[in-house]
PDB file of N, CA and C in Angstrom:
ATOM      1  N   MET A   1       0.823  -1.174   0.000  1.00  0.00           N
ATOM      2  CA  MET A   1       0.000   0.000   0.000  1.00  0.00           C
ATOM      3  C   MET A   1       0.873   1.245   0.000  1.00  0.00           C
ATOM      4  N   SER A   2       0.366   2.300  -0.629  1.00  0.00           N
ATOM      5  CA  SER A   2       1.119   3.548  -0.687  1.00  0.00           C
ATOM      6  C   SER A   2       0.918   4.345   0.599  1.00  0.00           C
ATOM      7  N   ALA A   3       1.730   5.382   0.753  1.00  0.00           N
ATOM      8  CA  ALA A   3       1.605   6.254   1.919  1.00  0.00           C
ATOM      9  C   ALA A   3       0.241   6.943   1.923  1.00  0.00           C
ATOM     10  N   LEU A   4      -0.277   7.266   0.735  1.00  0.00           N
ATOM     11  CA  LEU A   4      -1.598   7.889   0.645  1.00  0.00           C
ATOM     12  C   LEU A   4      -2.674   6.918   1.125  1.00  0.00           C
ATOM     13  N   ASP A   5      -2.607   5.663   0.701  1.00  0.00           N
ATOM     14  CA  ASP A   5      -3.574   4.661   1.160  1.00  0.00           C
ATOM     15  C   ASP A   5      -3.508   4.491   2.674  1.00  0.00           C
ATOM     16  N   ASP A   6      -2.295   4.485   3.229  1.00  0.00           N
ATOM     17  CA  ASP A   6      -2.140   4.391   4.681  1.00  0.00           C
ATOM     18  C   ASP A   6      -2.794   5.580   5.376  1.00  0.00           C
ATOM     19  N   ALA A   7      -2.605   6.779   4.837  1.00  0.00           N
ATOM     20  CA  ALA A   7      -3.184   7.987   5.430  1.00  0.00           C
ATOM     21  C   ALA A   7      -4.707   7.947   5.361  1.00  0.00           C
ATOM     22  N   VAL A   8      -5.251   7.495   4.231  1.00  0.00           N
ATOM     23  CA  VAL A   8      -6.701   7.388   4.092  1.00  0.00           C
ATOM     24  C   VAL A   8      -7.244   6.368   5.089  1.00  0.00           C
ATOM     25  N   GLY A   9      -6.552   5.246   5.245  1.00  0.00           N
ATOM     26  CA  GLY A   9      -6.978   4.234   6.208  1.00  0.00           C
ATOM     27  C   GLY A   9      -7.012   4.779   7.620  1.00  0.00           C
ATOM     28  N   GLU A  10      -6.009   5.551   7.983  1.00  0.00           N
ATOM     29  CA  GLU A  10      -5.982   6.158   9.313  1.00  0.00           C
ATOM     30  C   GLU A  10      -7.113   7.167   9.472  1.00  0.00           C
ATOM     31  N   MET A  11      -7.401   7.931   8.404  1.00  0.00           N
ATOM     32  CA  MET A  11      -8.484   8.904   8.443  1.00  0.00           C
ATOM     33  C   MET A  11      -9.833   8.199   8.653  1.00  0.00           C
ATOM     34  N   VAL A  12     -10.045   7.097   7.951  1.00  0.00           N
ATOM     35  CA  VAL A  12     -11.293   6.343   8.099  1.00  0.00           C
ATOM     36  C   VAL A  12     -11.405   5.802   9.519  1.00  0.00           C
ATOM     37  N   ASP A  13     -10.334   5.253  10.042  1.00  0.00           N
ATOM     38  CA  ASP A  13     -10.342   4.756  11.421  1.00  0.00           C
ATOM     39  C   ASP A  13     -10.706   5.871  12.399  1.00  0.00           C
ATOM     40  N   ASP A  14     -10.114   7.067  12.205  1.00  0.00           N
ATOM     41  CA  ASP A  14     -10.405   8.206  13.079  1.00  0.00           C
ATOM     42  C   ASP A  14     -11.863   8.634  12.953  1.00  0.00           C
ATOM     43  N   LEU A  15     -12.374   8.693  11.723  1.00  0.00           N
ATOM     44  CA  LEU A  15     -13.767   9.075  11.480  1.00  0.00           C
ATOM     45  C   LEU A  15     -14.715   8.114  12.198  1.00  0.00           C
ATOM     46  N   LEU A  16     -14.484   6.828  12.030  1.00  0.00           N
ATOM     47  CA  LEU A  16     -15.369   5.842  12.639  1.00  0.00           C
ATOM     48  C   LEU A  16     -15.253   5.827  14.154  1.00  0.00           C
ATOM     49  N   ALA A  17     -14.056   6.104  14.683  1.00  0.00           N
ATOM     50  CA  ALA A  17     -13.877   6.157  16.136  1.00  0.00           C
ATOM     51  C   ALA A  17     -14.625   7.347  16.737  1.00  0.00           C
ATOM     52  N   GLU A  18     -14.649   8.463  16.022  1.00  0.00           N
ATOM     53  CA  GLU A  18     -15.281   9.680  16.534  1.00  0.00           C
ATOM     54  C   GLU A  18     -16.774   9.748  16.220  1.00  0.00           C
ATOM     55  N   ALA A  19     -17.166   9.353  15.024  1.00  0.00           N
ATOM     56  CA  ALA A  19     -18.549   9.569  14.581  1.00  0.00           C
ATOM     57  C   ALA A  19     -19.245   8.284  14.153  1.00  0.00           C
ATOM     58  N   GLY A  20     -18.672   7.160  14.465  1.00  0.00           N
ATOM     59  CA  GLY A  20     -19.256   5.898  14.027  1.00  0.00           C
ATOM     60  C   GLY A  20     -20.214   5.315  15.045  1.00  0.00           C
ATOM     61  N   ALA A  21     -21.058   4.430  14.544  1.00  0.00           N
ATOM     62  CA  ALA A  21     -21.997   3.706  15.392  1.00  0.00           C
ATOM     63  C   ALA A  21     -22.091   2.278  14.873  1.00  0.00           C
ATOM     64  N   VAL A  22     -22.379   1.354  15.758  1.00  0.00           N
ATOM     65  CA  VAL A  22     -22.507  -0.043  15.362  1.00  0.00           C
ATOM     66  C   VAL A  22     -23.869  -0.231  14.703  1.00  0.00           C
ATOM     67  N   VAL A  23     -23.863  -0.829  13.514  1.00  0.00           N
ATOM     68  CA  VAL A  23     -25.089  -1.076  12.757  1.00  0.00           C
ATOM     69  C   VAL A  23     -25.190  -2.559  12.416  1.00  0.00           C
ATOM     70  N   SER A  24     -26.402  -2.975  12.106  1.00  0.00           N
ATOM     71  CA  SER A  24     -26.629  -4.320  11.583  1.00  0.00           C
ATOM     72  C   SER A  24     -26.839  -4.197  10.088  1.00  0.00           C
ATOM     73  N   TYR A  25     -26.229  -5.105   9.333  1.00  0.00           N
ATOM     74  CA  TYR A  25     -26.367  -5.100   7.874  1.00  0.00           C
ATOM     75  C   TYR A  25     -27.191  -6.322   7.491  1.00  0.00           C
ATOM     76  N   LEU A  26     -28.305  -6.087   6.778  1.00  0.00           N
ATOM     77  CA  LEU A  26     -29.217  -7.160   6.420  1.00  0.00           C
ATOM     78  C   LEU A  26     -29.298  -7.335   4.900  1.00  0.00           C
ATOM     79  N   ARG A  27     -29.436  -8.561   4.502  1.00  0.00           N
ATOM     80  CA  ARG A  27     -29.691  -8.890   3.093  1.00  0.00           C
ATOM     81  C   ARG A  27     -30.826  -9.902   3.098  1.00  0.00           C
ATOM     82  N   GLY A  28     -31.896  -9.583   2.352  1.00  0.00           N
ATOM     83  CA  GLY A  28     -33.049 -10.465   2.323  1.00  0.00           C
ATOM     84  C   GLY A  28     -33.717 -10.587   3.676  1.00  0.00           C
ATOM     85  N   GLY A  29     -33.603  -9.546   4.508  1.00  0.00           N
ATOM     86  CA  GLY A  29     -34.213  -9.550   5.828  1.00  0.00           C
ATOM     87  C   GLY A  29     -33.434 -10.315   6.885  1.00  0.00           C
ATOM     88  N   ILE A  30     -32.276 -10.856   6.506  1.00  0.00           N
ATOM     89  CA  ILE A  30     -31.460 -11.642   7.433  1.00  0.00           C
ATOM     90  C   ILE A  30     -30.163 -10.885   7.717  1.00  0.00           C
ATOM     91  N   GLU A  31     -29.831 -10.758   9.008  1.00  0.00           N
ATOM     92  CA  GLU A  31     -28.591 -10.069   9.365  1.00  0.00           C
ATOM     93  C   GLU A  31     -27.394 -10.886   8.883  1.00  0.00           C
ATOM     94  N   ILE A  32     -26.534 -10.221   8.114  1.00  0.00           N
ATOM     95  CA  ILE A  32     -25.332 -10.907   7.637  1.00  0.00           C
ATOM     96  C   ILE A  32     -24.074 -10.362   8.294  1.00  0.00           C
ATOM     97  N   GLY A  33     -24.229  -9.356   9.162  1.00  0.00           N
ATOM     98  CA  GLY A  33     -23.071  -8.846   9.874  1.00  0.00           C
ATOM     99  C   GLY A  33     -23.362  -7.559  10.617  1.00  0.00           C
ATOM    100  N   THR A  34     -22.450  -7.223  11.525  1.00  0.00           N
ATOM    101  CA  THR A  34     -22.489  -5.942  12.217  1.00  0.00           C
ATOM    102  C   THR A  34     -21.153  -5.258  11.976  1.00  0.00           C
ATOM    103  N   LEU A  35     -21.188  -3.951  11.919  1.00  0.00           N
ATOM    104  CA  LEU A  35     -19.965  -3.190  11.704  1.00  0.00           C
ATOM    105  C   LEU A  35     -20.173  -1.768  12.174  1.00  0.00           C
ATOM    106  N   THR A  36     -19.101  -1.006  12.230  1.00  0.00           N
ATOM    107  CA  THR A  36     -19.167   0.398  12.610  1.00  0.00           C
ATOM    108  C   THR A  36     -19.202   1.240  11.349  1.00  0.00           C
ATOM    109  N   MET A  37     -20.195   2.126  11.283  1.00  0.00           N
ATOM    110  CA  MET A  37     -20.351   3.014  10.136  1.00  0.00           C
ATOM    111  C   MET A  37     -20.643   4.425  10.626  1.00  0.00           C
ATOM    112  N   SER A  38     -20.285   5.389   9.825  1.00  0.00           N
ATOM    113  CA  SER A  38     -20.647   6.780  10.072  1.00  0.00           C
ATOM    114  C   SER A  38     -21.822   7.095   9.155  1.00  0.00           C
ATOM    115  N   LEU A  39     -22.774   7.910   9.635  1.00  0.00           N
ATOM    116  CA  LEU A  39     -23.895   8.252   8.777  1.00  0.00           C
ATOM    117  C   LEU A  39     -24.011   9.748   8.596  1.00  0.00           C
ATOM    118  N   GLN A  40     -24.485  10.127   7.397  1.00  0.00           N
ATOM    119  CA  GLN A  40     -24.665  11.530   7.061  1.00  0.00           C
ATOM    120  C   GLN A  40     -26.069  11.693   6.495  1.00  0.00           C
ATOM    121  N   ARG A  41     -26.945  12.339   7.291  1.00  0.00           N
ATOM    122  CA  ARG A  41     -28.320  12.572   6.847  1.00  0.00           C
ATOM    123  C   ARG A  41     -28.377  13.774   5.918  1.00  0.00           C
ATOM    124  N   GLN A  42     -29.198  13.644   4.891  1.00  0.00           N
ATOM    125  CA  GLN A  42     -29.464  14.736   3.960  1.00  0.00           C
ATOM    126  C   GLN A  42     -30.837  15.315   4.313  1.00  0.00           C
ATOM    127  N   PRO A  43     -31.198  16.488   3.790  1.00  0.00           N
ATOM    128  CA  PRO A  43     -32.522  17.051   4.066  1.00  0.00           C
ATOM    129  C   PRO A  43     -33.637  16.123   3.568  1.00  0.00           C
ATOM    130  N   SER A  44     -34.718  16.023   4.357  1.00  0.00           N
ATOM    131  CA  SER A  44     -35.845  15.182   3.988  1.00  0.00           C
ATOM    132  C   SER A  44     -36.655  15.815   2.861  1.00  0.00           C
ATOM    133  N   GLN A  45     -37.344  14.955   2.126  1.00  0.00           N
ATOM    134  CA  GLN A  45     -38.289  15.380   1.100  1.00  0.00           C
ATOM    135  C   GLN A  45     -39.642  14.818   1.499  1.00  0.00           C
ATOM    136  N   TYR A  46     -40.728  15.535   1.179  1.00  0.00           N
ATOM    137  CA  TYR A  46     -42.071  15.105   1.544  1.00  0.00           C
ATOM    138  C   TYR A  46     -42.905  14.894   0.286  1.00  0.00           C
ATOM    139  N   ILE A  47     -43.591  13.757   0.255  1.00  0.00           N
ATOM    140  CA  ILE A  47     -44.414  13.390  -0.894  1.00  0.00           C
ATOM    141  C   ILE A  47     -45.827  13.107  -0.397  1.00  0.00           C
ATOM    142  N   ASP A  48     -46.823  13.665  -1.091  1.00  0.00           N
ATOM    143  CA  ASP A  48     -48.228  13.411  -0.761  1.00  0.00           C
ATOM    144  C   ASP A  48     -48.547  11.965  -1.113  1.00  0.00           C
ATOM    145  N   ASN A  49     -49.115  11.213  -0.159  1.00  0.00           N
ATOM    146  CA  ASN A  49     -49.415   9.804  -0.425  1.00  0.00           C
ATOM    147  C   ASN A  49     -50.796   9.596  -1.044  1.00  0.00           C
ATOM    148  N   GLN A  50     -51.474  10.694  -1.416  1.00  0.00           N
ATOM    149  CA  GLN A  50     -52.788  10.664  -2.064  1.00  0.00           C
ATOM    150  C   GLN A  50     -53.878  10.080  -1.164  1.00  0.00           C
ATOM    151  N   GLN A  51     -53.599   9.951   0.133  1.00  0.00           N
ATOM    152  CA  GLN A  51     -54.586   9.433   1.080  1.00  0.00           C
ATOM    153  C   GLN A  51     -54.674  10.333   2.308  1.00  0.00           C
ATOM    154  N   GLY A  52     -54.329  11.592   2.143  1.00  0.00           N
ATOM    155  CA  GLY A  52     -54.412  12.537   3.242  1.00  0.00           C
ATOM    156  C   GLY A  52     -53.196  12.574   4.141  1.00  0.00           C
ATOM    157  N   GLY A  53     -52.137  11.902   3.767  1.00  0.00           N
ATOM    158  CA  GLY A  53     -50.920  11.883   4.570  1.00  0.00           C
ATOM    159  C   GLY A  53     -49.697  12.231   3.738  1.00  0.00           C
ATOM    160  N   LEU A  54     -48.601  12.286   4.408  1.00  0.00           N
ATOM    161  CA  LEU A  54     -47.323  12.572   3.754  1.00  0.00           C
ATOM    162  C   LEU A  54     -46.358  11.424   3.992  1.00  0.00           C
ATOM    163  N   ILE A  55     -45.497  11.206   3.024  1.00  0.00           N
ATOM    164  CA  ILE A  55     -44.390  10.269   3.186  1.00  0.00           C
ATOM    165  C   ILE A  55     -43.119  11.105   3.258  1.00  0.00           C
ATOM    166  N   GLU A  56     -42.408  10.956   4.358  1.00  0.00           N
ATOM    167  CA  GLU A  56     -41.132  11.653   4.525  1.00  0.00           C
ATOM    168  C   GLU A  56     -40.023  10.718   4.067  1.00  0.00           C
ATOM    169  N   ILE A  57     -39.236  11.174   3.096  1.00  0.00           N
ATOM    170  CA  ILE A  57     -38.124  10.373   2.586  1.00  0.00           C
ATOM    171  C   ILE A  57     -36.830  11.087   2.948  1.00  0.00           C
ATOM    172  N   THR A  58     -35.978  10.377   3.690  1.00  0.00           N
ATOM    173  CA  THR A  58     -34.716  10.960   4.142  1.00  0.00           C
ATOM    174  C   THR A  58     -33.557  10.186   3.529  1.00  0.00           C
ATOM    175  N   PRO A  59     -32.786  10.829   2.640  1.00  0.00           N
ATOM    176  CA  PRO A  59     -31.581  10.177   2.124  1.00  0.00           C
ATOM    177  C   PRO A  59     -30.485  10.190   3.197  1.00  0.00           C
ATOM    178  N   VAL A  60     -29.844   9.057   3.383  1.00  0.00           N
ATOM    179  CA  VAL A  60     -28.758   8.937   4.357  1.00  0.00           C
ATOM    180  C   VAL A  60     -27.627   8.143   3.713  1.00  0.00           C
ATOM    181  N   ASP A  61     -26.426   8.673   3.785  1.00  0.00           N
ATOM    182  CA  ASP A  61     -25.246   7.957   3.310  1.00  0.00           C
ATOM    183  C   ASP A  61     -24.506   7.385   4.506  1.00  0.00           C
ATOM    184  N   PHE A  62     -24.098   6.135   4.376  1.00  0.00           N
ATOM    185  CA  PHE A  62     -23.301   5.466   5.400  1.00  0.00           C
ATOM    186  C   PHE A  62     -21.894   5.276   4.856  1.00  0.00           C
ATOM    187  N   ILE A  63     -20.897   5.519   5.697  1.00  0.00           N
ATOM    188  CA  ILE A  63     -19.496   5.354   5.307  1.00  0.00           C
ATOM    189  C   ILE A  63     -18.874   4.267   6.172  1.00  0.00           C
ATOM    190  N   ALA A  64     -18.160   3.351   5.518  1.00  0.00           N
ATOM    191  CA  ALA A  64     -17.533   2.236   6.233  1.00  0.00           C
ATOM    192  C   ALA A  64     -16.206   1.893   5.584  1.00  0.00           C
ATOM    193  N   LYS A  65     -15.397   1.183   6.351  1.00  0.00           N
ATOM    194  CA  LYS A  65     -14.197   0.601   5.754  1.00  0.00           C
ATOM    195  C   LYS A  65     -14.670  -0.541   4.852  1.00  0.00           C
ATOM    196  N   THR A  66     -14.191  -0.546   3.648  1.00  0.00           N
ATOM    197  CA  THR A  66     -14.597  -1.564   2.687  1.00  0.00           C
ATOM    198  C   THR A  66     -14.329  -2.957   3.229  1.00  0.00           C
ATOM    199  N   SER A  67     -13.218  -3.144   3.902  1.00  0.00           N
ATOM    200  CA  SER A  67     -12.861  -4.466   4.429  1.00  0.00           C
ATOM    201  C   SER A  67     -13.791  -4.923   5.554  1.00  0.00           C
ATOM    202  N   ASP A  68     -14.524  -3.988   6.185  1.00  0.00           N
ATOM    203  CA  ASP A  68     -15.450  -4.343   7.262  1.00  0.00           C
ATOM    204  C   ASP A  68     -16.825  -4.757   6.753  1.00  0.00           C
ATOM    205  N   LEU A  69     -17.140  -4.432   5.503  1.00  0.00           N
ATOM    206  CA  LEU A  69     -18.465  -4.761   4.979  1.00  0.00           C
ATOM    207  C   LEU A  69     -18.650  -6.271   4.941  1.00  0.00           C
ATOM    208  N   PRO A  70     -19.806  -6.764   5.405  1.00  0.00           N
ATOM    209  CA  PRO A  70     -20.023  -8.210   5.436  1.00  0.00           C
ATOM    210  C   PRO A  70     -20.184  -8.825   4.051  1.00  0.00           C
ATOM    211  N   SER A  71     -20.511  -7.991   3.061  1.00  0.00           N
ATOM    212  CA  SER A  71     -20.647  -8.468   1.689  1.00  0.00           C
ATOM    213  C   SER A  71     -20.348  -7.308   0.756  1.00  0.00           C
ATOM    214  N   PHE A  72     -19.539  -7.557  -0.249  1.00  0.00           N
ATOM    215  CA  PHE A  72     -19.216  -6.498  -1.202  1.00  0.00           C
ATOM    216  C   PHE A  72     -19.435  -7.034  -2.598  1.00  0.00           C
ATOM    217  N   PRO A  73     -20.106  -6.329  -3.460  1.00  0.00           N
ATOM    218  CA  PRO A  73     -20.601  -4.970  -3.277  1.00  0.00           C
ATOM    219  C   PRO A  73     -21.944  -4.946  -2.565  1.00  0.00           C
ATOM    220  N   PRO A  74     -22.295  -3.783  -1.974  1.00  0.00           N
ATOM    221  CA  PRO A  74     -23.641  -3.625  -1.417  1.00  0.00           C
ATOM    222  C   PRO A  74     -24.653  -3.750  -2.561  1.00  0.00           C
ATOM    223  N   LEU A  75     -25.834  -4.278  -2.255  1.00  0.00           N
ATOM    224  CA  LEU A  75     -26.857  -4.487  -3.274  1.00  0.00           C
ATOM    225  C   LEU A  75     -28.108  -3.673  -2.971  1.00  0.00           C
ATOM    226  N   ARG A  76     -28.785  -3.251  -4.016  1.00  0.00           N
ATOM    227  CA  ARG A  76     -30.067  -2.565  -3.865  1.00  0.00           C
ATOM    228  C   ARG A  76     -31.005  -3.467  -3.053  1.00  0.00           C
ATOM    229  N   GLY A  77     -31.673  -2.881  -2.069  1.00  0.00           N
ATOM    230  CA  GLY A  77     -32.593  -3.648  -1.227  1.00  0.00           C
ATOM    231  C   GLY A  77     -31.977  -4.133   0.073  1.00  0.00           C
ATOM    232  N   ASP A  78     -30.629  -4.126   0.175  1.00  0.00           N
ATOM    233  CA  ASP A  78     -30.009  -4.422   1.462  1.00  0.00           C
ATOM    234  C   ASP A  78     -30.529  -3.396   2.469  1.00  0.00           C
ATOM    235  N   GLN A  79     -30.427  -3.712   3.737  1.00  0.00           N
ATOM    236  CA  GLN A  79     -30.882  -2.788   4.766  1.00  0.00           C
ATOM    237  C   GLN A  79     -29.795  -2.586   5.808  1.00  0.00           C
ATOM    238  N   ILE A  80     -29.758  -1.367   6.336  1.00  0.00           N
ATOM    239  CA  ILE A  80     -28.863  -1.024   7.433  1.00  0.00           C
ATOM    240  C   ILE A  80     -29.755  -0.586   8.593  1.00  0.00           C
ATOM    241  N   VAL A  81     -29.569  -1.212   9.756  1.00  0.00           N
ATOM    242  CA  VAL A  81     -30.402  -0.922  10.923  1.00  0.00           C
ATOM    243  C   VAL A  81     -29.514  -0.330  12.014  1.00  0.00           C
ATOM    244  N   ILE A  82     -29.958   0.811  12.534  1.00  0.00           N
ATOM    245  CA  ILE A  82     -29.231   1.479  13.606  1.00  0.00           C
ATOM    246  C   ILE A  82     -30.248   2.107  14.562  1.00  0.00           C
ATOM    247  N   GLY A  83     -30.145   1.779  15.827  1.00  0.00           N
ATOM    248  CA  GLY A  83     -31.018   2.364  16.836  1.00  0.00           C
ATOM    249  C   GLY A  83     -32.498   2.211  16.542  1.00  0.00           C
ATOM    250  N   GLY A  84     -32.907   1.089  15.999  1.00  0.00           N
ATOM    251  CA  GLY A  84     -34.314   0.865  15.698  1.00  0.00           C
ATOM    252  C   GLY A  84     -34.792   1.474  14.396  1.00  0.00           C
ATOM    253  N   GLU A  85     -33.933   2.197  13.693  1.00  0.00           N
ATOM    254  CA  GLU A  85     -34.285   2.776  12.400  1.00  0.00           C
ATOM    255  C   GLU A  85     -33.726   1.890  11.285  1.00  0.00           C
ATOM    256  N   THR A  86     -34.516   1.714  10.223  1.00  0.00           N
ATOM    257  CA  THR A  86     -34.096   0.893   9.098  1.00  0.00           C
ATOM    258  C   THR A  86     -33.953   1.755   7.860  1.00  0.00           C
ATOM    259  N   PHE A  87     -32.837   1.584   7.158  1.00  0.00           N
ATOM    260  CA  PHE A  87     -32.533   2.330   5.952  1.00  0.00           C
ATOM    261  C   PHE A  87     -32.320   1.341   4.814  1.00  0.00           C
ATOM    262  N   GLU A  88     -32.984   1.589   3.671  1.00  0.00           N
ATOM    263  CA  GLU A  88     -32.860   0.695   2.525  1.00  0.00           C
ATOM    264  C   GLU A  88     -31.801   1.208   1.561  1.00  0.00           C
ATOM    265  N   VAL A  89     -30.934   0.313   1.129  1.00  0.00           N
ATOM    266  CA  VAL A  89     -29.884   0.658   0.176  1.00  0.00           C
ATOM    267  C   VAL A  89     -30.521   0.853  -1.202  1.00  0.00           C
ATOM    268  N   VAL A  90     -30.353   2.059  -1.750  1.00  0.00           N
ATOM    269  CA  VAL A  90     -30.905   2.412  -3.065  1.00  0.00           C
ATOM    270  C   VAL A  90     -29.917   3.319  -3.791  1.00  0.00           C
ATOM    271  N   PRO A  91     -29.966   3.317  -5.124  1.00  0.00           N
ATOM    272  CA  PRO A  91     -29.071   4.221  -5.854  1.00  0.00           C
ATOM    273  C   PRO A  91     -29.561   5.666  -5.760  1.00  0.00           C
ATOM    274  N   THR A  92     -28.654   6.600  -5.890  1.00  0.00           N
ATOM    275  CA  THR A  92     -29.039   8.005  -6.017  1.00  0.00           C
ATOM    276  C   THR A  92     -29.074   8.329  -7.506  1.00  0.00           C
ATOM    277  N   THR A  93     -29.574   9.491  -7.821  1.00  0.00           N
ATOM    278  CA  THR A  93     -29.648   9.899  -9.217  1.00  0.00           C
ATOM    279  C   THR A  93     -28.252   9.915  -9.825  1.00  0.00           C
ATOM    280  N   GLY A  94     -28.074   9.138 -10.862  1.00  0.00           N
ATOM    281  CA  GLY A  94     -26.802   9.128 -11.580  1.00  0.00           C
ATOM    282  C   GLY A  94     -25.699   8.309 -10.935  1.00  0.00           C
ATOM    283  N   GLU A  95     -25.989   7.587  -9.871  1.00  0.00           N
ATOM    284  CA  GLU A  95     -24.958   6.772  -9.221  1.00  0.00           C
ATOM    285  C   GLU A  95     -25.470   5.373  -8.938  1.00  0.00           C
ATOM    286  N   LYS A  96     -24.550   4.489  -8.583  1.00  0.00           N
ATOM    287  CA  LYS A  96     -24.908   3.151  -8.116  1.00  0.00           C
ATOM    288  C   LYS A  96     -25.357   3.258  -6.659  1.00  0.00           C
ATOM    289  N   VAL A  97     -25.567   2.138  -6.013  1.00  0.00           N
ATOM    290  CA  VAL A  97     -25.961   2.151  -4.607  1.00  0.00           C
ATOM    291  C   VAL A  97     -24.788   2.459  -3.686  1.00  0.00           C
ATOM    292  N   PHE A  98     -23.586   2.438  -4.225  1.00  0.00           N
ATOM    293  CA  PHE A  98     -22.416   2.754  -3.408  1.00  0.00           C
ATOM    294  C   PHE A  98     -21.388   3.481  -4.261  1.00  0.00           C
ATOM    295  N   ARG A  99     -20.456   4.106  -3.572  1.00  0.00           N
ATOM    296  CA  ARG A  99     -19.331   4.745  -4.256  1.00  0.00           C
ATOM    297  C   ARG A  99     -18.080   4.446  -3.453  1.00  0.00           C
ATOM    298  N   ARG A 100     -17.060   3.965  -4.130  1.00  0.00           N
ATOM    299  CA  ARG A 100     -15.766   3.763  -3.473  1.00  0.00           C
ATOM    300  C   ARG A 100     -15.098   5.127  -3.351  1.00  0.00           C
ATOM    301  N   VAL A 101     -14.980   5.616  -2.136  1.00  0.00           N
ATOM    302  CA  VAL A 101     -14.344   6.900  -1.900  1.00  0.00           C
ATOM    303  C   VAL A 101     -12.834   6.762  -2.053  1.00  0.00           C
ATOM    304  N   SER A 102     -12.332   5.617  -1.637  1.00  0.00           N
ATOM    305  CA  SER A 102     -10.927   5.280  -1.784  1.00  0.00           C
ATOM    306  C   SER A 102     -10.842   3.756  -1.792  1.00  0.00           C
ATOM    307  N   TYR A 103      -9.646   3.254  -1.877  1.00  0.00           N
ATOM    308  CA  TYR A 103      -9.447   1.811  -1.842  1.00  0.00           C
ATOM    309  C   TYR A 103     -10.005   1.213  -0.551  1.00  0.00           C
ATOM    310  N   GLN A 104      -9.955   1.983   0.537  1.00  0.00           N
ATOM    311  CA  GLN A 104     -10.327   1.466   1.852  1.00  0.00           C
ATOM    312  C   GLN A 104     -11.687   1.935   2.369  1.00  0.00           C
ATOM    313  N   MET A 105     -12.340   2.869   1.666  1.00  0.00           N
ATOM    314  CA  MET A 105     -13.563   3.466   2.194  1.00  0.00           C
ATOM    315  C   MET A 105     -14.677   3.418   1.152  1.00  0.00           C
ATOM    316  N   THR A 106     -15.882   3.031   1.602  1.00  0.00           N
ATOM    317  CA  THR A 106     -17.043   2.945   0.724  1.00  0.00           C
ATOM    318  C   THR A 106     -18.185   3.752   1.322  1.00  0.00           C
ATOM    319  N   ARG A 107     -18.875   4.496   0.463  1.00  0.00           N
ATOM    320  CA  ARG A 107     -20.072   5.259   0.841  1.00  0.00           C
ATOM    321  C   ARG A 107     -21.274   4.528   0.265  1.00  0.00           C
ATOM    322  N   ILE A 108     -22.239   4.182   1.121  1.00  0.00           N
ATOM    323  CA  ILE A 108     -23.434   3.462   0.696  1.00  0.00           C
ATOM    324  C   ILE A 108     -24.627   4.410   0.778  1.00  0.00           C
ATOM    325  N   HIS A 109     -25.384   4.502  -0.318  1.00  0.00           N
ATOM    326  CA  HIS A 109     -26.540   5.388  -0.384  1.00  0.00           C
ATOM    327  C   HIS A 109     -27.791   4.643   0.087  1.00  0.00           C
ATOM    328  N   THR A 110     -28.551   5.265   0.982  1.00  0.00           N
ATOM    329  CA  THR A 110     -29.783   4.675   1.492  1.00  0.00           C
ATOM    330  C   THR A 110     -30.880   5.723   1.558  1.00  0.00           C
ATOM    331  N   LYS A 111     -32.095   5.250   1.761  1.00  0.00           N
ATOM    332  CA  LYS A 111     -33.233   6.141   2.031  1.00  0.00           C
ATOM    333  C   LYS A 111     -34.086   5.486   3.100  1.00  0.00           C
ATOM    334  N   GLN A 112     -34.719   6.350   3.877  1.00  0.00           N
ATOM    335  CA  GLN A 112     -35.660   5.901   4.888  1.00  0.00           C
ATOM    336  C   GLN A 112     -36.988   6.585   4.573  1.00  0.00           C
ATOM    337  N   ALA A 113     -38.056   5.810   4.467  1.00  0.00           N
ATOM    338  CA  ALA A 113     -39.382   6.362   4.194  1.00  0.00           C
ATOM    339  C   ALA A 113     -40.271   6.162   5.419  1.00  0.00           C
ATOM    340  N   ILE A 114     -40.894   7.244   5.866  1.00  0.00           N
ATOM    341  CA  ILE A 114     -41.800   7.199   7.012  1.00  0.00           C
ATOM    342  C   ILE A 114     -43.108   7.859   6.597  1.00  0.00           C
ATOM    343  N   THR A 115     -44.224   7.173   6.791  1.00  0.00           N
ATOM    344  CA  THR A 115     -45.530   7.747   6.499  1.00  0.00           C
ATOM    345  C   THR A 115     -45.991   8.567   7.689  1.00  0.00           C
ATOM    346  N   ARG A 116     -46.390   9.782   7.425  1.00  0.00           N
ATOM    347  CA  ARG A 116     -46.831  10.701   8.488  1.00  0.00           C
ATOM    348  C   ARG A 116     -48.310  10.953   8.370  1.00  0.00           C
TER     349      ARG A 116
END
């Protein structure tokens, strides 16, 4: 590994130590592993459900060490559960469901939908 890869690895370790939380990673509704991930919430969007209510959709990106992921690559429909909240892995506009930030770090795109 290069010095840059080593520095990125240390940065990811520091990020997860400071801002990480233990999550459960599910595929097909079955837990396939637990790992530490950092999450970044984006602003929510609200959609009329045509039945007098609103659906709140919150995009959330999770960042993890690629080597810690229980299965690679992440797949559409996988779920990440943290603190009783469930987030579904989905692609964002113009991207896949994940992006390799570096050799050692992966960003996974998710959304959480709540009917209000």
